[in-house]
Structure formats: C-alpha cells, structure tokens
Amino acid sequence: MLVNPYDHEGVAIAINRALSMSLEERRQRHAINYRVLVQNDLGKWAERFLAELEGPPVELRRPGRLATGG
C-alpha cells in the first residue's frame, strides 16, 4: 500500500486497511508485487542502468528540445 510516511493519519488508515484486508486480497497483492520483483531483479536493474549510461545525454532525448553548447 502506498502511503506518505509523513502523513500520520494516512499511515494509520493504511495500517488499519492492511490489517482488515481479506486473505484473498493479500494473496493477490503479494502475487502482483512478487511478479514485479522477479521481473526487476538486481541484474535487470544493472542492465538498464548501464544501457542508460551508454545512451545519449538526457538533454538530447527530450523531444522538441535542442542541446546547446553551454
């Protein structure tokens, strides 16, 4: 569950919701989170990170924006 950790009331509401969640909903959420985790392991993160380093600078990737020399 996403919650702003600085929103004390929001955290309390989220904890209450999590504690009262049905077993089926907990299983569904776990399955979704686990699938995302498996698809985004450290090796895949490193591949994407290195590919970004090898790609063009961010300034050149934004559509409609020209890179300037300084």
N, C-alpha and C. Protein backbone atom coordinates (compact mmCIF):
# COMPACT_ATOMS: atom_id res chain seq x y z
N MET A 1 0.84 -1.16 0.00
CA MET A 1 0.00 0.00 0.00
C MET A 1 0.89 1.23 0.00
N LEU A 2 0.55 2.16 -0.85
CA LEU A 2 1.33 3.39 -0.92
C LEU A 2 0.78 4.40 0.07
N VAL A 3 1.68 4.99 0.80
CA VAL A 3 1.28 5.98 1.80
C VAL A 3 2.44 6.94 2.03
N ASN A 4 2.10 8.19 2.26
CA ASN A 4 3.11 9.19 2.58
C ASN A 4 3.53 8.97 4.04
N PRO A 5 4.79 8.63 4.29
CA PRO A 5 5.21 8.35 5.66
C PRO A 5 5.13 9.56 6.59
N TYR A 6 5.00 10.76 6.04
CA TYR A 6 4.88 11.95 6.87
C TYR A 6 3.43 12.27 7.22
N ASP A 7 2.49 11.53 6.60
CA ASP A 7 1.07 11.71 6.86
C ASP A 7 0.65 10.68 7.90
N HIS A 8 0.71 11.08 9.17
CA HIS A 8 0.45 10.13 10.26
C HIS A 8 -0.94 9.52 10.18
N GLU A 9 -1.91 10.32 9.85
CA GLU A 9 -3.27 9.80 9.74
C GLU A 9 -3.38 8.83 8.57
N GLY A 10 -2.74 9.17 7.45
CA GLY A 10 -2.74 8.29 6.28
C GLY A 10 -2.07 6.95 6.57
N VAL A 11 -0.99 6.99 7.33
CA VAL A 11 -0.30 5.75 7.72
C VAL A 11 -1.21 4.91 8.60
N ALA A 12 -1.87 5.54 9.54
CA ALA A 12 -2.79 4.80 10.42
C ALA A 12 -3.92 4.16 9.63
N ILE A 13 -4.46 4.91 8.68
CA ILE A 13 -5.54 4.37 7.84
C ILE A 13 -5.05 3.19 7.02
N ALA A 14 -3.85 3.32 6.44
CA ALA A 14 -3.29 2.25 5.62
C ALA A 14 -3.02 1.00 6.46
N ILE A 15 -2.50 1.18 7.66
CA ILE A 15 -2.25 0.04 8.55
C ILE A 15 -3.57 -0.64 8.90
N ASN A 16 -4.57 0.15 9.22
CA ASN A 16 -5.89 -0.41 9.54
C ASN A 16 -6.45 -1.19 8.35
N ARG A 17 -6.31 -0.62 7.17
CA ARG A 17 -6.82 -1.31 5.97
C ARG A 17 -6.06 -2.61 5.75
N ALA A 18 -4.75 -2.57 5.90
CA ALA A 18 -3.94 -3.78 5.69
C ALA A 18 -4.31 -4.87 6.70
N LEU A 19 -4.54 -4.47 7.93
CA LEU A 19 -4.88 -5.45 8.96
C LEU A 19 -6.27 -6.06 8.77
N SER A 20 -7.15 -5.31 8.12
CA SER A 20 -8.51 -5.81 7.92
C SER A 20 -8.73 -6.38 6.52
N MET A 21 -7.68 -6.42 5.72
CA MET A 21 -7.76 -6.92 4.35
C MET A 21 -8.05 -8.42 4.34
N SER A 22 -8.84 -8.85 3.38
CA SER A 22 -9.15 -10.28 3.27
C SER A 22 -7.91 -11.06 2.83
N LEU A 23 -7.92 -12.32 3.16
CA LEU A 23 -6.81 -13.20 2.77
C LEU A 23 -6.65 -13.21 1.25
N GLU A 24 -7.74 -13.24 0.52
CA GLU A 24 -7.68 -13.26 -0.94
C GLU A 24 -7.03 -12.00 -1.49
N GLU A 25 -7.39 -10.84 -0.95
CA GLU A 25 -6.77 -9.59 -1.42
C GLU A 25 -5.29 -9.57 -1.07
N ARG A 26 -4.92 -10.04 0.11
CA ARG A 26 -3.50 -10.10 0.47
C ARG A 26 -2.74 -10.99 -0.49
N ARG A 27 -3.32 -12.14 -0.84
CA ARG A 27 -2.66 -13.05 -1.79
C ARG A 27 -2.51 -12.41 -3.16
N GLN A 28 -3.55 -11.73 -3.62
CA GLN A 28 -3.48 -11.07 -4.93
C GLN A 28 -2.40 -9.99 -4.93
N ARG A 29 -2.36 -9.18 -3.89
CA ARG A 29 -1.35 -8.12 -3.81
C ARG A 29 0.05 -8.70 -3.75
N HIS A 30 0.21 -9.77 -2.98
CA HIS A 30 1.51 -10.42 -2.88
C HIS A 30 1.95 -10.95 -4.24
N ALA A 31 1.03 -11.59 -4.96
CA ALA A 31 1.37 -12.16 -6.27
C ALA A 31 1.81 -11.06 -7.24
N ILE A 32 1.10 -9.94 -7.23
CA ILE A 32 1.46 -8.82 -8.11
C ILE A 32 2.84 -8.26 -7.74
N ASN A 33 3.06 -8.02 -6.46
CA ASN A 33 4.35 -7.49 -6.01
C ASN A 33 5.48 -8.45 -6.30
N TYR A 34 5.25 -9.73 -6.11
CA TYR A 34 6.29 -10.73 -6.35
C TYR A 34 6.64 -10.77 -7.84
N ARG A 35 5.63 -10.68 -8.70
CA ARG A 35 5.87 -10.70 -10.15
C ARG A 35 6.72 -9.50 -10.55
N VAL A 36 6.42 -8.34 -10.02
CA VAL A 36 7.22 -7.14 -10.30
C VAL A 36 8.65 -7.32 -9.81
N LEU A 37 8.80 -7.88 -8.62
CA LEU A 37 10.12 -8.11 -8.05
C LEU A 37 10.95 -9.06 -8.93
N VAL A 38 10.34 -10.14 -9.37
CA VAL A 38 11.04 -11.13 -10.20
C VAL A 38 11.46 -10.51 -11.53
N GLN A 39 10.61 -9.65 -12.09
CA GLN A 39 10.90 -9.02 -13.38
C GLN A 39 11.91 -7.89 -13.26
N ASN A 40 12.18 -7.44 -12.06
CA ASN A 40 13.07 -6.29 -11.86
C ASN A 40 14.14 -6.61 -10.83
N ASP A 41 14.81 -7.72 -11.01
CA ASP A 41 15.85 -8.09 -10.06
C ASP A 41 17.09 -7.22 -10.26
N LEU A 42 18.09 -7.42 -9.44
CA LEU A 42 19.29 -6.59 -9.48
C LEU A 42 20.00 -6.66 -10.83
N GLY A 43 20.05 -7.85 -11.42
CA GLY A 43 20.71 -7.99 -12.72
C GLY A 43 20.04 -7.17 -13.80
N LYS A 44 18.72 -7.20 -13.84
CA LYS A 44 17.99 -6.43 -14.85
C LYS A 44 18.11 -4.94 -14.58
N TRP A 45 18.10 -4.54 -13.30
CA TRP A 45 18.29 -3.14 -12.98
C TRP A 45 19.66 -2.67 -13.47
N ALA A 46 20.69 -3.48 -13.23
CA ALA A 46 22.05 -3.12 -13.65
C ALA A 46 22.13 -3.00 -15.17
N GLU A 47 21.48 -3.91 -15.90
CA GLU A 47 21.47 -3.82 -17.36
C GLU A 47 20.85 -2.51 -17.83
N ARG A 48 19.70 -2.14 -17.26
CA ARG A 48 19.06 -0.88 -17.64
C ARG A 48 19.92 0.31 -17.27
N PHE A 49 20.53 0.26 -16.09
CA PHE A 49 21.38 1.36 -15.64
C PHE A 49 22.56 1.56 -16.58
N LEU A 50 23.23 0.48 -16.93
CA LEU A 50 24.38 0.58 -17.83
C LEU A 50 23.96 1.01 -19.23
N ALA A 51 22.81 0.56 -19.69
CA ALA A 51 22.31 0.99 -21.01
C ALA A 51 22.05 2.49 -21.00
N GLU A 52 21.53 3.00 -19.91
CA GLU A 52 21.30 4.45 -19.79
C GLU A 52 22.62 5.21 -19.84
N LEU A 53 23.65 4.68 -19.20
CA LEU A 53 24.96 5.34 -19.21
C LEU A 53 25.55 5.36 -20.61
N GLU A 54 25.28 4.35 -21.40
CA GLU A 54 25.84 4.26 -22.75
C GLU A 54 25.03 5.05 -23.77
N GLY A 55 23.81 5.44 -23.42
CA GLY A 55 22.93 6.14 -24.35
C GLY A 55 23.30 7.61 -24.46
N PRO A 56 22.51 8.34 -25.29
CA PRO A 56 22.77 9.78 -25.44
C PRO A 56 22.43 10.52 -24.16
N PRO A 57 23.01 11.71 -23.99
CA PRO A 57 22.71 12.51 -22.80
C PRO A 57 21.21 12.80 -22.71
N VAL A 58 20.73 12.99 -21.51
CA VAL A 58 19.30 13.22 -21.28
C VAL A 58 18.81 14.41 -22.09
N GLU A 59 19.60 15.47 -22.21
CA GLU A 59 19.19 16.66 -22.94
C GLU A 59 18.84 16.35 -24.39
N LEU A 60 19.50 15.37 -24.97
CA LEU A 60 19.26 15.03 -26.37
C LEU A 60 18.06 14.11 -26.52
N ARG A 61 17.55 13.55 -25.45
CA ARG A 61 16.44 12.63 -25.54
C ARG A 61 15.08 13.31 -25.43
N ARG A 62 15.04 14.54 -24.98
CA ARG A 62 13.75 15.22 -24.79
C ARG A 62 13.25 15.74 -26.14
N PRO A 63 12.07 15.32 -26.57
CA PRO A 63 11.54 15.80 -27.84
C PRO A 63 11.31 17.32 -27.82
N GLY A 64 11.64 17.97 -28.92
CA GLY A 64 11.40 19.39 -29.03
C GLY A 64 12.41 20.26 -28.33
N ARG A 65 13.45 19.68 -27.78
CA ARG A 65 14.44 20.49 -27.08
C ARG A 65 15.80 20.31 -27.75
N LEU A 66 16.45 21.41 -28.05
CA LEU A 66 17.76 21.36 -28.68
C LEU A 66 18.84 21.47 -27.63
N ALA A 67 19.89 20.69 -27.81
CA ALA A 67 21.03 20.80 -26.91
C ALA A 67 21.82 22.03 -27.27
N THR A 68 22.26 22.77 -26.28
CA THR A 68 23.07 23.96 -26.54
C THR A 68 24.46 23.74 -26.00
N GLY A 69 25.40 24.44 -26.53
CA GLY A 69 26.78 24.25 -26.19
C GLY A 69 27.21 24.89 -24.89
N GLY A 70 26.35 25.49 -24.15
CA GLY A 70 26.87 25.98 -22.93
C GLY A 70 26.10 27.01 -22.26
